[in-house]
Amino acid sequence: MASELIRDRVAEAYGRWAPVYDVVFGPVFKRGRCAAVKAAERIGGRILEVGVGTGLSLTEYSRSNRIVGIDISEPMLEKARERVARERLGHVESIAVMDAEHLMFPEASFDVVVAQYVVTAIPDPERALDEFARVVRPGGEIILTSRIGAGKGLRGQVERLLMPITSRLGWRTEFPWARYQRWIERSGAVRLVEKRALPPLGHFSLIRLARLRR
């Protein structure tokens, strides 16, 4: 599948966002972050946060969990490491640069995989979702917060028109729910547990996928 996003361009874009990310996006995504953490802690245990960024979520996880955070942007991770040290977050096991499409973990390494506002910023989202399903244990969950595109109508047309601009900023505007559905059906590894719109406008959703037991 030809990608609208290029990996190096995404890493560079988020490197530029790093100094102001918490101020610009922290309040906007706060409800989604809280919803994702709450969903992850229904299972708890060893949790992988993909696209951990500056580590905004790290303080919100219970200290009884073990958190591994990865991101493609080193400048973002520098902020996350500073947060871990400043807040003495001993439950954070490691913070590392890693590509979501090529996770360097054995199969079934985690009880939960969390990816907040990340999937639409990955050059090959389906490959990354395959990796999430691989590294989560059977019975564990993949927790996503994601922008769901309209797919059609006026809003869908606007999303397609904006793609040349937003791709340079590091994410897609056009990403319909049908794309997730196709992946779920193709993978055969997960089932949909929950999908619900997040406030305030419902453009983003919380998605819970359970890894099937075999």
C-alpha atoms as a PDB file:
ATOM      1  CA  MET A   1       0.000   0.000   0.000  1.00  0.00           C
ATOM      2  CA  ALA A   2       1.485   3.362  -1.019  1.00  0.00           C
ATOM      3  CA  SER A   3       1.836   5.562   2.030  1.00  0.00           C
ATOM      4  CA  GLU A   4       0.918   9.225   2.214  1.00  0.00           C
ATOM      5  CA  LEU A   5       3.379   9.553   5.087  1.00  0.00           C
ATOM      6  CA  ILE A   6       7.123   9.017   5.027  1.00  0.00           C
ATOM      7  CA  ARG A   7       8.761   7.680   8.197  1.00  0.00           C
ATOM      8  CA  ASP A   8      11.663  10.151   8.305  1.00  0.00           C
ATOM      9  CA  ARG A   9       9.293  13.031   7.669  1.00  0.00           C
ATOM     10  CA  VAL A  10       7.051  11.921  10.550  1.00  0.00           C
ATOM     11  CA  ALA A  11      10.022  11.658  12.927  1.00  0.00           C
ATOM     12  CA  GLU A  12      11.230  15.086  11.847  1.00  0.00           C
ATOM     13  CA  ALA A  13       7.767  16.615  12.244  1.00  0.00           C
ATOM     14  CA  TYR A  14       7.332  15.327  15.780  1.00  0.00           C
ATOM     15  CA  GLY A  15      10.854  16.403  16.643  1.00  0.00           C
ATOM     16  CA  ARG A  16       9.756  19.941  15.788  1.00  0.00           C
ATOM     17  CA  TRP A  17       6.614  19.544  17.909  1.00  0.00           C
ATOM     18  CA  ALA A  18       8.578  18.336  20.968  1.00  0.00           C
ATOM     19  CA  PRO A  19       9.262  21.740  22.622  1.00  0.00           C
ATOM     20  CA  VAL A  20       5.603  22.813  22.497  1.00  0.00           C
ATOM     21  CA  TYR A  21       3.742  19.496  22.358  1.00  0.00           C
ATOM     22  CA  ASP A  22       2.516  19.510  25.969  1.00  0.00           C
ATOM     23  CA  VAL A  23       1.147  23.053  25.689  1.00  0.00           C
ATOM     24  CA  VAL A  24      -0.472  22.598  22.266  1.00  0.00           C
ATOM     25  CA  PHE A  25      -1.832  19.059  22.539  1.00  0.00           C
ATOM     26  CA  GLY A  26      -1.878  18.289  26.271  1.00  0.00           C
ATOM     27  CA  PRO A  27      -5.271  19.862  27.039  1.00  0.00           C
ATOM     28  CA  VAL A  28      -6.811  18.802  23.703  1.00  0.00           C
ATOM     29  CA  PHE A  29      -6.076  15.110  24.215  1.00  0.00           C
ATOM     30  CA  LYS A  30      -6.455  14.942  28.004  1.00  0.00           C
ATOM     31  CA  ARG A  31      -9.859  13.200  27.988  1.00  0.00           C
ATOM     32  CA  GLY A  32      -8.648  10.635  25.484  1.00  0.00           C
ATOM     33  CA  ARG A  33      -5.514   9.973  27.526  1.00  0.00           C
ATOM     34  CA  CYS A  34      -7.541   9.425  30.681  1.00  0.00           C
ATOM     35  CA  ALA A  35      -9.959   7.111  28.859  1.00  0.00           C
ATOM     36  CA  ALA A  36      -7.110   5.059  27.394  1.00  0.00           C
ATOM     37  CA  VAL A  37      -5.307   4.696  30.720  1.00  0.00           C
ATOM     38  CA  LYS A  38      -8.531   3.723  32.480  1.00  0.00           C
ATOM     39  CA  ALA A  39      -9.233   1.080  29.810  1.00  0.00           C
ATOM     40  CA  ALA A  40      -5.677  -0.268  30.031  1.00  0.00           C
ATOM     41  CA  GLU A  41      -5.862  -0.560  33.799  1.00  0.00           C
ATOM     42  CA  ARG A  42      -8.915  -2.794  33.599  1.00  0.00           C
ATOM     43  CA  ILE A  43      -6.329  -5.420  32.687  1.00  0.00           C
ATOM     44  CA  GLY A  44      -3.115  -3.921  34.031  1.00  0.00           C
ATOM     45  CA  GLY A  45       0.242  -5.641  34.219  1.00  0.00           C
ATOM     46  CA  ARG A  46       2.973  -4.919  31.686  1.00  0.00           C
ATOM     47  CA  ILE A  47       1.813  -2.170  29.355  1.00  0.00           C
ATOM     48  CA  LEU A  48       3.424  -0.983  26.121  1.00  0.00           C
ATOM     49  CA  GLU A  49       2.620   2.587  25.161  1.00  0.00           C
ATOM     50  CA  VAL A  50       3.364   3.135  21.482  1.00  0.00           C
ATOM     51  CA  GLY A  51       3.939   6.779  20.588  1.00  0.00           C
ATOM     52  CA  VAL A  52       4.578   7.718  24.205  1.00  0.00           C
ATOM     53  CA  GLY A  53       5.852  11.101  23.023  1.00  0.00           C
ATOM     54  CA  THR A  54       6.763  13.434  25.884  1.00  0.00           C
ATOM     55  CA  GLY A  55       5.299  10.985  28.393  1.00  0.00           C
ATOM     56  CA  LEU A  56       2.126  12.884  29.227  1.00  0.00           C
ATOM     57  CA  SER A  57       0.339   9.663  30.208  1.00  0.00           C
ATOM     58  CA  LEU A  58       3.093   8.157  32.324  1.00  0.00           C
ATOM     59  CA  THR A  59       2.082   9.848  35.563  1.00  0.00           C
ATOM     60  CA  GLU A  60      -1.502   8.616  35.182  1.00  0.00           C
ATOM     61  CA  TYR A  61      -0.757   4.883  35.260  1.00  0.00           C
ATOM     62  CA  SER A  62      -0.975   3.094  38.591  1.00  0.00           C
ATOM     63  CA  ARG A  63       2.413   2.346  40.121  1.00  0.00           C
ATOM     64  CA  SER A  64       1.356  -1.322  40.262  1.00  0.00           C
ATOM     65  CA  ASN A  65       1.795  -1.551  36.478  1.00  0.00           C
ATOM     66  CA  ARG A  66       5.036  -1.743  34.498  1.00  0.00           C
ATOM     67  CA  ILE A  67       5.185   0.674  31.585  1.00  0.00           C
ATOM     68  CA  VAL A  68       7.368   0.499  28.488  1.00  0.00           C
ATOM     69  CA  GLY A  69       7.237   3.575  26.275  1.00  0.00           C
ATOM     70  CA  ILE A  70       8.428   3.819  22.679  1.00  0.00           C
ATOM     71  CA  ASP A  71       8.370   6.552  20.056  1.00  0.00           C
ATOM     72  CA  ILE A  72      10.003   7.276  16.712  1.00  0.00           C
ATOM     73  CA  SER A  73      11.091  10.765  17.809  1.00  0.00           C
ATOM     74  CA  GLU A  74      14.184  11.089  20.006  1.00  0.00           C
ATOM     75  CA  PRO A  75      13.465  14.753  20.910  1.00  0.00           C
ATOM     76  CA  MET A  76      10.025  13.707  22.200  1.00  0.00           C
ATOM     77  CA  LEU A  77      11.584  10.901  24.236  1.00  0.00           C
ATOM     78  CA  GLU A  78      14.097  13.279  25.788  1.00  0.00           C
ATOM     79  CA  LYS A  79      11.110  15.085  27.296  1.00  0.00           C
ATOM     80  CA  ALA A  80       9.635  11.762  28.450  1.00  0.00           C
ATOM     81  CA  ARG A  81      12.882  10.762  30.176  1.00  0.00           C
ATOM     82  CA  GLU A  82      13.020  14.122  31.919  1.00  0.00           C
ATOM     83  CA  ARG A  83       9.465  13.559  33.140  1.00  0.00           C
ATOM     84  CA  VAL A  84      10.311  10.076  34.439  1.00  0.00           C
ATOM     85  CA  ALA A  85      13.277  11.445  36.388  1.00  0.00           C
ATOM     86  CA  ARG A  86      11.463  14.547  37.654  1.00  0.00           C
ATOM     87  CA  GLU A  87       8.367  12.664  38.801  1.00  0.00           C
ATOM     88  CA  ARG A  88      10.335   9.616  40.024  1.00  0.00           C
ATOM     89  CA  LEU A  89       8.242   7.248  37.955  1.00  0.00           C
ATOM     90  CA  GLY A  90       9.720   3.962  39.096  1.00  0.00           C
ATOM     91  CA  HIS A  91       6.952   1.991  37.381  1.00  0.00           C
ATOM     92  CA  VAL A  92       8.341   3.043  33.977  1.00  0.00           C
ATOM     93  CA  GLU A  93      10.470   0.099  32.910  1.00  0.00           C
ATOM     94  CA  SER A  94      12.068   1.664  29.832  1.00  0.00           C
ATOM     95  CA  ILE A  95      11.801   4.442  27.254  1.00  0.00           C
ATOM     96  CA  ALA A  96      13.231   3.739  23.799  1.00  0.00           C
ATOM     97  CA  VAL A  97      13.294   4.876  20.192  1.00  0.00           C
ATOM     98  CA  MET A  98      11.467   2.285  18.120  1.00  0.00           C
ATOM     99  CA  ASP A  99       9.422   2.022  14.948  1.00  0.00           C
ATOM    100  CA  ALA A 100       5.827   0.910  15.570  1.00  0.00           C
ATOM    101  CA  GLU A 101       5.940  -1.144  12.370  1.00  0.00           C
ATOM    102  CA  HIS A 102       8.923  -3.153  13.646  1.00  0.00           C
ATOM    103  CA  LEU A 103       8.556  -3.746  17.375  1.00  0.00           C
ATOM    104  CA  MET A 104      11.649  -5.296  18.927  1.00  0.00           C
ATOM    105  CA  PHE A 105       9.787  -7.464  21.433  1.00  0.00           C
ATOM    106  CA  PRO A 106       8.980 -11.181  21.474  1.00  0.00           C
ATOM    107  CA  GLU A 107       5.441 -12.358  20.836  1.00  0.00           C
ATOM    108  CA  ALA A 108       2.989 -11.939  23.755  1.00  0.00           C
ATOM    109  CA  SER A 109       5.362  -9.668  25.714  1.00  0.00           C
ATOM    110  CA  PHE A 110       2.624  -7.383  27.057  1.00  0.00           C
ATOM    111  CA  ASP A 111      -0.731  -7.553  28.783  1.00  0.00           C
ATOM    112  CA  VAL A 112      -1.873  -4.349  27.072  1.00  0.00           C
ATOM    113  CA  VAL A 113      -0.711  -2.251  24.113  1.00  0.00           C
ATOM    114  CA  VAL A 114      -1.800   1.398  24.189  1.00  0.00           C
ATOM    115  CA  ALA A 115      -1.502   3.697  21.163  1.00  0.00           C
ATOM    116  CA  GLN A 116      -2.927   7.163  21.695  1.00  0.00           C
ATOM    117  CA  TYR A 117      -3.441   9.400  18.651  1.00  0.00           C
ATOM    118  CA  VAL A 118      -0.753   7.373  16.870  1.00  0.00           C
ATOM    119  CA  VAL A 119      -2.244   5.051  14.239  1.00  0.00           C
ATOM    120  CA  THR A 120      -3.048   7.816  11.751  1.00  0.00           C
ATOM    121  CA  ALA A 121       0.548   9.091  12.033  1.00  0.00           C
ATOM    122  CA  ILE A 122       2.164   5.766  11.088  1.00  0.00           C
ATOM    123  CA  PRO A 123       3.219   5.321   7.437  1.00  0.00           C
ATOM    124  CA  ASP A 124       1.838   1.748   7.275  1.00  0.00           C
ATOM    125  CA  PRO A 125      -0.887   1.567   9.964  1.00  0.00           C
ATOM    126  CA  GLU A 126      -1.932  -2.006   9.146  1.00  0.00           C
ATOM    127  CA  ARG A 127       1.597  -3.287   9.636  1.00  0.00           C
ATOM    128  CA  ALA A 128       1.781  -1.527  12.995  1.00  0.00           C
ATOM    129  CA  LEU A 129      -1.554  -3.033  14.032  1.00  0.00           C
ATOM    130  CA  ASP A 130      -0.186  -6.460  13.090  1.00  0.00           C
ATOM    131  CA  GLU A 131       2.733  -5.781  15.419  1.00  0.00           C
ATOM    132  CA  PHE A 132       0.436  -4.664  18.251  1.00  0.00           C
ATOM    133  CA  ALA A 133      -1.496  -7.926  17.913  1.00  0.00           C
ATOM    134  CA  ARG A 134       1.725  -9.924  17.876  1.00  0.00           C
ATOM    135  CA  VAL A 135       3.242  -8.493  21.063  1.00  0.00           C
ATOM    136  CA  VAL A 136       0.065  -8.511  23.200  1.00  0.00           C
ATOM    137  CA  ARG A 137      -0.734 -11.765  24.978  1.00  0.00           C
ATOM    138  CA  PRO A 138      -3.868 -13.809  24.200  1.00  0.00           C
ATOM    139  CA  GLY A 139      -6.671 -12.331  26.294  1.00  0.00           C
ATOM    140  CA  GLY A 140      -4.859  -9.000  26.495  1.00  0.00           C
ATOM    141  CA  GLU A 141      -6.069  -5.836  24.804  1.00  0.00           C
ATOM    142  CA  ILE A 142      -4.997  -3.227  22.295  1.00  0.00           C
ATOM    143  CA  ILE A 143      -6.278   0.194  23.383  1.00  0.00           C
ATOM    144  CA  LEU A 144      -6.401   2.881  20.713  1.00  0.00           C
ATOM    145  CA  THR A 145      -7.492   6.477  20.695  1.00  0.00           C
ATOM    146  CA  SER A 146      -7.793   7.485  17.082  1.00  0.00           C
ATOM    147  CA  ARG A 147      -9.300  10.025  14.781  1.00  0.00           C
ATOM    148  CA  ILE A 148     -12.054   8.408  12.729  1.00  0.00           C
ATOM    149  CA  GLY A 149     -12.501  10.013   9.343  1.00  0.00           C
ATOM    150  CA  ALA A 150     -15.899  10.573   7.763  1.00  0.00           C
ATOM    151  CA  GLY A 151     -15.022   8.585   4.658  1.00  0.00           C
ATOM    152  CA  LYS A 152     -17.685  10.315   2.558  1.00  0.00           C
ATOM    153  CA  GLY A 153     -19.830  13.434   2.379  1.00  0.00           C
ATOM    154  CA  LEU A 154     -18.623  17.016   2.774  1.00  0.00           C
ATOM    155  CA  ARG A 155     -16.468  16.221   5.794  1.00  0.00           C
ATOM    156  CA  GLY A 156     -14.800  13.371   3.896  1.00  0.00           C
ATOM    157  CA  GLN A 157     -14.050  15.696   0.979  1.00  0.00           C
ATOM    158  CA  VAL A 158     -12.515  18.264   3.325  1.00  0.00           C
ATOM    159  CA  GLU A 159     -10.379  15.546   4.969  1.00  0.00           C
ATOM    160  CA  ARG A 160      -9.036  14.463   1.584  1.00  0.00           C
ATOM    161  CA  LEU A 161      -8.283  18.053   0.597  1.00  0.00           C
ATOM    162  CA  LEU A 162      -6.357  18.606   3.832  1.00  0.00           C
ATOM    163  CA  MET A 163      -4.195  15.502   3.453  1.00  0.00           C
ATOM    164  CA  PRO A 164      -1.300  17.218   1.588  1.00  0.00           C
ATOM    165  CA  ILE A 165      -1.030  19.694   4.484  1.00  0.00           C
ATOM    166  CA  THR A 166      -1.547  17.369   7.455  1.00  0.00           C
ATOM    167  CA  SER A 167       0.812  14.719   6.064  1.00  0.00           C
ATOM    168  CA  ARG A 168       3.598  17.294   6.257  1.00  0.00           C
ATOM    169  CA  LEU A 169       2.647  17.925   9.892  1.00  0.00           C
ATOM    170  CA  GLY A 170       2.884  14.192  10.613  1.00  0.00           C
ATOM    171  CA  TRP A 171      -0.645  12.746  10.504  1.00  0.00           C
ATOM    172  CA  ARG A 172      -3.618  11.888   8.293  1.00  0.00           C
ATOM    173  CA  THR A 173      -7.003  13.568   8.301  1.00  0.00           C
ATOM    174  CA  GLU A 174      -8.515  10.873   6.066  1.00  0.00           C
ATOM    175  CA  PHE A 175      -8.796   7.554   7.962  1.00  0.00           C
ATOM    176  CA  PRO A 176     -12.297   6.005   7.909  1.00  0.00           C
ATOM    177  CA  TRP A 177     -13.516   3.315  10.315  1.00  0.00           C
ATOM    178  CA  ALA A 178     -13.774   0.925   7.362  1.00  0.00           C
ATOM    179  CA  ARG A 179      -9.994   0.737   7.328  1.00  0.00           C
ATOM    180  CA  TYR A 180      -9.968  -0.629  10.886  1.00  0.00           C
ATOM    181  CA  GLN A 181     -12.769  -3.036  10.031  1.00  0.00           C
ATOM    182  CA  ARG A 182     -10.845  -4.444   7.078  1.00  0.00           C
ATOM    183  CA  TRP A 183      -7.790  -4.956   9.239  1.00  0.00           C
ATOM    184  CA  ILE A 184      -9.758  -6.709  12.012  1.00  0.00           C
ATOM    185  CA  GLU A 185     -11.313  -9.084   9.474  1.00  0.00           C
ATOM    186  CA  ARG A 186      -8.008  -9.760   7.740  1.00  0.00           C
ATOM    187  CA  SER A 187      -5.946 -10.291  10.872  1.00  0.00           C
ATOM    188  CA  GLY A 188      -8.210 -12.884  12.465  1.00  0.00           C
ATOM    189  CA  ALA A 189      -6.250 -12.229  15.678  1.00  0.00           C
ATOM    190  CA  VAL A 190      -8.508  -9.794  17.514  1.00  0.00           C
ATOM    191  CA  ARG A 191     -12.130  -8.978  18.187  1.00  0.00           C
ATOM    192  CA  LEU A 192     -13.681  -5.578  18.744  1.00  0.00           C
ATOM    193  CA  VAL A 193     -14.631  -5.070  22.398  1.00  0.00           C
ATOM    194  CA  GLU A 194     -15.610  -1.413  22.372  1.00  0.00           C
ATOM    195  CA  LYS A 195     -15.739   1.603  20.092  1.00  0.00           C
ATOM    196  CA  ARG A 196     -17.042   4.888  21.443  1.00  0.00           C
ATOM    197  CA  ALA A 197     -16.715   8.512  20.452  1.00  0.00           C
ATOM    198  CA  LEU A 198     -14.724  10.775  22.741  1.00  0.00           C
ATOM    199  CA  PRO A 199     -15.812  14.274  23.731  1.00  0.00           C
ATOM    200  CA  PRO A 200     -16.008  17.078  22.946  1.00  0.00           C
ATOM    201  CA  LEU A 201     -16.849  16.667  19.219  1.00  0.00           C
ATOM    202  CA  GLY A 202     -16.631  12.922  18.688  1.00  0.00           C
ATOM    203  CA  HIS A 203     -14.015  13.132  15.921  1.00  0.00           C
ATOM    204  CA  PHE A 204     -11.797  10.827  18.016  1.00  0.00           C
ATOM    205  CA  SER A 205     -12.767   7.425  19.372  1.00  0.00           C
ATOM    206  CA  LEU A 206     -11.653   4.953  22.007  1.00  0.00           C
ATOM    207  CA  ILE A 207     -11.196   1.522  20.428  1.00  0.00           C
ATOM    208  CA  ARG A 208     -10.600  -1.654  22.445  1.00  0.00           C
ATOM    209  CA  LEU A 209      -9.483  -4.827  20.677  1.00  0.00           C
ATOM    210  CA  ALA A 210      -8.978  -8.129  22.516  1.00  0.00           C
ATOM    211  CA  ARG A 211      -6.349 -10.614  21.332  1.00  0.00           C
ATOM    212  CA  LEU A 212      -8.103 -13.905  20.720  1.00  0.00           C
ATOM    213  CA  ARG A 213      -7.221 -16.958  22.785  1.00  0.00           C
ATOM    214  CA  ARG A 214      -6.298 -19.917  20.627  1.00  0.00           C
END
